Amino acid sequence: MDAYCERLAPGFWGEPLNAVSNLAFLVAAVAVWLLARSAAMATGRPAASLHALAGLIGLIFLGSSAFHTTATRWGAALDSGFIAIFLLYYIVLFIRLFWTAPWRRAWLAAPAFLAFTAAVALTLGQLFRGPGMYLSALLGLFVLAAILYRSRHADRVPHWRPFALAGAVFAVSLTFRTIDHTVCSGMPTGTHFLWHILNACTLFLVSYAAIGRWRETVGESSVGATPTITSGRD
């Protein structure tokens, strides 16, 4: 699959910058894992839901690496598939952490996000090359930031900032993904590698926000305050 400006011929290293820049996802995965472990140690509570974020970012690293080295349809499926899984899991975790919903209700956010993605793809998806989930993710980040900013719960309001910042970073990232083929004549490497680097930053920012909220809620229950997460299992 000759999908990006950098690939001029078949071969494992046909997209060297696109392949190597995937290391940014691995760095983000390790950083999120360490933050999750620190949160678990500080509260004395297991943080499986946070470690799952690190694991999913690691899968994005593997999927994207597979695609940009093999340039095959199965590699493309892994690349997009792992990103989609992260998005669905994160929106569920957001509802769980910021609205203290039990897991069985929080999971309803997954089909809701799929419906939102379909609506965005049908109405605005033609503006961007590729799956509409990227545009819905961009809009979703700013929606989450706005919801938190306008929240009547004082403990939620400060968390709008990392989502707004993540939205700004992802907007630049999506721009680089979109213009990749249009800059080939002047920039043979293309701009897709910048999409990888900035995406890794975006994933770290939203994971950092989730970890901060988790420490806030679980920390309260650990010192004897009324628990804000009602289920007994994380």
Protein backbone atom coordinates (compact mmCIF):
# COMPACT_ATOMS: atom_id res chain seq x y z
CA MET A 1 0.00 0.00 0.00
CA ASP A 2 1.53 3.26 -1.15
CA ALA A 3 -0.40 5.42 1.26
CA TYR A 4 2.12 8.10 2.22
CA CYS A 5 4.49 10.51 0.57
CA GLU A 6 7.62 8.92 2.05
CA ARG A 7 7.08 5.46 0.55
CA LEU A 8 8.57 5.27 -2.94
CA ALA A 9 9.16 1.52 -3.16
CA PRO A 10 8.28 -1.75 -1.38
CA GLY A 11 10.42 -2.89 1.52
CA PHE A 12 10.62 -2.91 5.30
CA TRP A 13 12.43 0.44 5.39
CA GLY A 14 10.38 2.04 2.63
CA GLU A 15 9.17 4.64 5.16
CA PRO A 16 12.12 5.18 7.52
CA LEU A 17 10.88 8.36 9.21
CA ASN A 18 7.32 7.10 9.48
CA ALA A 19 8.61 3.86 11.01
CA VAL A 20 11.12 5.33 13.47
CA SER A 21 8.78 8.13 14.60
CA ASN A 22 6.51 5.43 16.03
CA LEU A 23 8.95 5.25 18.92
CA ALA A 24 7.15 8.32 20.23
CA PHE A 25 4.19 6.05 21.03
CA LEU A 26 6.46 3.68 22.91
CA VAL A 27 7.87 6.56 24.96
CA ALA A 28 4.34 7.73 25.75
CA ALA A 29 3.30 4.20 26.76
CA VAL A 30 6.23 3.85 29.16
CA ALA A 31 5.62 7.30 30.64
CA VAL A 32 1.93 6.56 31.22
CA TRP A 33 2.77 3.18 32.75
CA LEU A 34 5.20 4.81 35.19
CA LEU A 35 2.66 7.48 36.13
CA ALA A 36 0.00 4.82 36.68
CA ARG A 37 2.36 2.80 38.86
CA SER A 38 3.22 5.91 40.86
CA ALA A 39 -0.49 6.64 41.35
CA ALA A 40 -1.12 3.08 42.53
CA MET A 41 1.77 3.21 44.97
CA ALA A 42 0.73 6.63 46.33
CA THR A 43 -2.84 5.52 47.03
CA GLY A 44 -2.20 1.89 47.90
CA ARG A 45 -4.85 0.87 45.38
CA PRO A 46 -4.52 -1.15 42.15
CA ALA A 47 -4.79 0.96 39.01
CA ALA A 48 -5.65 -1.56 36.33
CA SER A 49 -7.78 0.94 34.40
CA LEU A 50 -4.78 3.28 34.14
CA HIS A 51 -2.29 0.60 33.22
CA ALA A 52 -4.72 -0.35 30.45
CA LEU A 53 -4.15 3.10 28.92
CA ALA A 54 -0.41 2.42 28.75
CA GLY A 55 -1.04 -1.01 27.26
CA LEU A 56 -3.31 0.41 24.56
CA ILE A 57 -0.77 3.07 23.62
CA GLY A 58 1.76 0.25 23.35
CA LEU A 59 -0.58 -1.54 20.94
CA ILE A 60 -0.85 1.64 18.86
CA PHE A 61 2.95 1.60 18.64
CA LEU A 62 2.88 -1.98 17.40
CA GLY A 63 0.03 -1.43 14.95
CA SER A 64 1.46 1.72 13.43
CA SER A 65 4.92 0.17 13.21
CA ALA A 66 3.48 -2.86 11.44
CA PHE A 67 1.71 -0.70 8.89
CA HIS A 68 4.62 1.61 8.09
CA THR A 69 7.09 -1.25 7.69
CA THR A 70 4.97 -3.81 5.84
CA ALA A 71 2.62 -1.42 3.98
CA THR A 72 -0.05 -4.13 3.92
CA ARG A 73 -3.80 -4.14 4.46
CA TRP A 74 -3.50 -6.21 7.63
CA GLY A 75 -0.98 -3.66 8.95
CA ALA A 76 -3.40 -0.84 8.14
CA ALA A 77 -6.18 -2.73 9.97
CA LEU A 78 -4.01 -3.06 13.08
CA ASP A 79 -3.00 0.59 12.87
CA SER A 80 -6.55 1.97 12.70
CA GLY A 81 -8.03 -0.77 14.88
CA PHE A 82 -5.82 -0.16 17.91
CA ILE A 83 -6.43 3.59 17.69
CA ALA A 84 -10.19 2.96 17.59
CA ILE A 85 -9.98 0.70 20.66
CA PHE A 86 -8.09 3.37 22.58
CA LEU A 87 -10.68 6.01 21.68
CA LEU A 88 -13.60 3.82 22.75
CA TYR A 89 -11.92 2.79 25.99
CA TYR A 90 -10.93 6.34 26.83
CA ILE A 91 -14.41 7.79 26.44
CA VAL A 92 -15.72 5.04 28.72
CA LEU A 93 -12.98 5.77 31.27
CA PHE A 94 -13.77 9.48 31.07
CA ILE A 95 -17.39 8.86 32.05
CA ARG A 96 -16.21 6.49 34.77
CA LEU A 97 -13.76 8.92 36.31
CA PHE A 98 -15.34 12.32 35.82
CA TRP A 99 -18.98 11.34 36.25
CA THR A 100 -18.34 8.51 38.74
CA ALA A 101 -20.56 6.18 36.75
CA PRO A 102 -20.37 2.42 37.36
CA TRP A 103 -18.66 0.49 34.60
CA ARG A 104 -21.89 -1.05 33.27
CA ARG A 105 -23.24 2.44 32.56
CA ALA A 106 -19.95 3.98 31.49
CA TRP A 107 -19.65 1.44 28.67
CA LEU A 108 -22.72 2.98 27.06
CA ALA A 109 -20.42 5.83 26.04
CA ALA A 110 -18.71 3.51 23.53
CA PRO A 111 -21.70 3.04 21.17
CA ALA A 112 -22.58 6.71 21.67
CA PHE A 113 -19.13 7.70 20.44
CA LEU A 114 -19.45 5.35 17.46
CA ALA A 115 -22.72 7.02 16.53
CA PHE A 116 -21.09 10.43 16.89
CA THR A 117 -18.20 9.28 14.69
CA ALA A 118 -20.58 8.05 12.01
CA ALA A 119 -22.45 11.36 12.02
CA VAL A 120 -19.20 13.34 11.75
CA ALA A 121 -17.90 11.11 8.95
CA LEU A 122 -21.09 11.59 6.94
CA THR A 123 -21.19 15.36 7.36
CA LEU A 124 -17.58 16.54 7.65
CA GLY A 125 -15.39 13.52 6.90
CA GLN A 126 -14.75 14.57 3.31
CA LEU A 127 -12.56 17.38 4.61
CA PHE A 128 -9.96 14.88 5.81
CA ARG A 129 -8.35 11.86 4.19
CA GLY A 130 -8.91 8.68 6.16
CA PRO A 131 -11.32 7.43 8.83
CA GLY A 132 -13.79 9.90 10.26
CA MET A 133 -12.83 8.81 13.76
CA TYR A 134 -9.93 11.27 13.73
CA LEU A 135 -12.18 14.26 13.15
CA SER A 136 -14.67 13.03 15.75
CA ALA A 137 -11.76 12.58 18.19
CA LEU A 138 -10.67 16.17 17.57
CA LEU A 139 -14.15 17.55 18.12
CA GLY A 140 -14.59 15.24 21.10
CA LEU A 141 -11.53 16.64 22.89
CA PHE A 142 -12.89 20.16 22.75
CA VAL A 143 -16.35 18.97 23.76
CA LEU A 144 -14.89 17.23 26.83
CA ALA A 145 -12.89 20.36 27.69
CA ALA A 146 -16.03 22.49 27.40
CA ILE A 147 -18.09 20.09 29.52
CA LEU A 148 -15.51 20.17 32.28
CA TYR A 149 -15.07 23.95 32.06
CA ARG A 150 -18.83 24.48 32.41
CA SER A 151 -19.27 21.86 35.11
CA ARG A 152 -20.99 22.86 38.32
CA HIS A 153 -18.66 20.58 40.27
CA ALA A 154 -15.61 22.55 41.35
CA ASP A 155 -13.40 19.45 41.46
CA ARG A 156 -13.97 18.80 37.74
CA VAL A 157 -13.42 22.29 36.37
CA PRO A 158 -9.58 22.42 36.57
CA HIS A 159 -9.33 19.31 34.40
CA TRP A 160 -10.51 21.14 31.26
CA ARG A 161 -7.02 22.44 30.54
CA PRO A 162 -5.25 19.20 29.52
CA PHE A 163 -8.17 18.33 27.22
CA ALA A 164 -8.06 21.75 25.56
CA LEU A 165 -4.30 21.47 25.16
CA ALA A 166 -4.64 17.93 23.78
CA GLY A 167 -7.23 19.23 21.32
CA ALA A 168 -4.88 21.98 20.13
CA VAL A 169 -1.99 19.54 19.71
CA PHE A 170 -4.20 17.05 17.89
CA ALA A 171 -5.48 19.78 15.56
CA VAL A 172 -1.90 20.46 14.44
CA SER A 173 -1.27 16.71 14.23
CA LEU A 174 -4.31 16.14 12.03
CA THR A 175 -3.23 18.99 9.79
CA PHE A 176 0.14 17.31 9.20
CA ARG A 177 -1.62 14.03 8.40
CA THR A 178 -3.92 15.76 5.93
CA ILE A 179 -1.27 17.66 3.97
CA ASP A 180 1.20 14.74 3.67
CA HIS A 181 0.62 14.08 -0.02
CA THR A 182 0.35 17.73 -0.99
CA VAL A 183 3.88 18.61 0.15
CA CYS A 184 5.72 15.73 -1.55
CA SER A 185 7.33 17.89 -4.21
CA GLY A 186 8.93 20.22 -1.70
CA MET A 187 9.29 17.79 1.20
CA PRO A 188 9.98 14.22 -0.04
CA THR A 189 9.74 12.76 3.46
CA GLY A 190 6.20 14.06 3.83
CA THR A 191 4.69 15.14 7.13
CA HIS A 192 3.14 11.93 8.40
CA PHE A 193 5.99 11.34 10.86
CA LEU A 194 4.95 14.56 12.64
CA TRP A 195 1.46 13.08 13.00
CA HIS A 196 3.02 10.22 14.97
CA ILE A 197 5.02 12.47 17.28
CA LEU A 198 2.16 14.85 18.02
CA ASN A 199 -0.32 11.99 18.39
CA ALA A 200 1.92 10.47 21.04
CA CYS A 201 1.85 13.81 22.86
CA THR A 202 -1.95 13.88 22.60
CA LEU A 203 -2.28 10.36 24.01
CA PHE A 204 0.03 11.24 26.87
CA LEU A 205 -1.93 14.41 27.71
CA VAL A 206 -5.32 12.69 27.90
CA SER A 207 -3.80 9.81 29.88
CA TYR A 208 -2.17 12.29 32.26
CA ALA A 209 -5.58 13.90 32.80
CA ALA A 210 -7.17 10.52 33.58
CA ILE A 211 -4.40 9.61 36.01
CA GLY A 212 -4.75 12.94 37.78
CA ARG A 213 -8.48 12.46 38.18
CA TRP A 214 -8.02 8.86 39.34
CA ARG A 215 -5.57 9.93 42.03
CA GLU A 216 -7.99 12.63 43.10
CA THR A 217 -10.99 10.32 43.50
CA VAL A 218 -9.24 7.21 44.77
CA GLY A 219 -7.04 9.29 47.07
CA GLU A 220 -10.13 10.71 48.74
CA SER A 221 -11.57 7.27 49.41
CA SER A 222 -8.19 6.00 50.64
CA VAL A 223 -8.11 8.53 53.47
CA GLY A 224 -11.62 7.80 54.58
CA ALA A 225 -13.64 10.31 52.60
CA THR A 226 -16.85 9.29 50.88
CA PRO A 227 -15.78 7.34 47.77
CA THR A 228 -16.56 9.07 44.49
CA ILE A 229 -16.25 5.85 42.52
CA THR A 230 -18.93 3.48 43.63
CA SER A 231 -17.77 0.13 42.30
CA GLY A 232 -15.48 -1.96 44.46
CA ARG A 233 -13.22 -2.90 41.57
CA ASP A 234 -11.07 -0.56 39.50
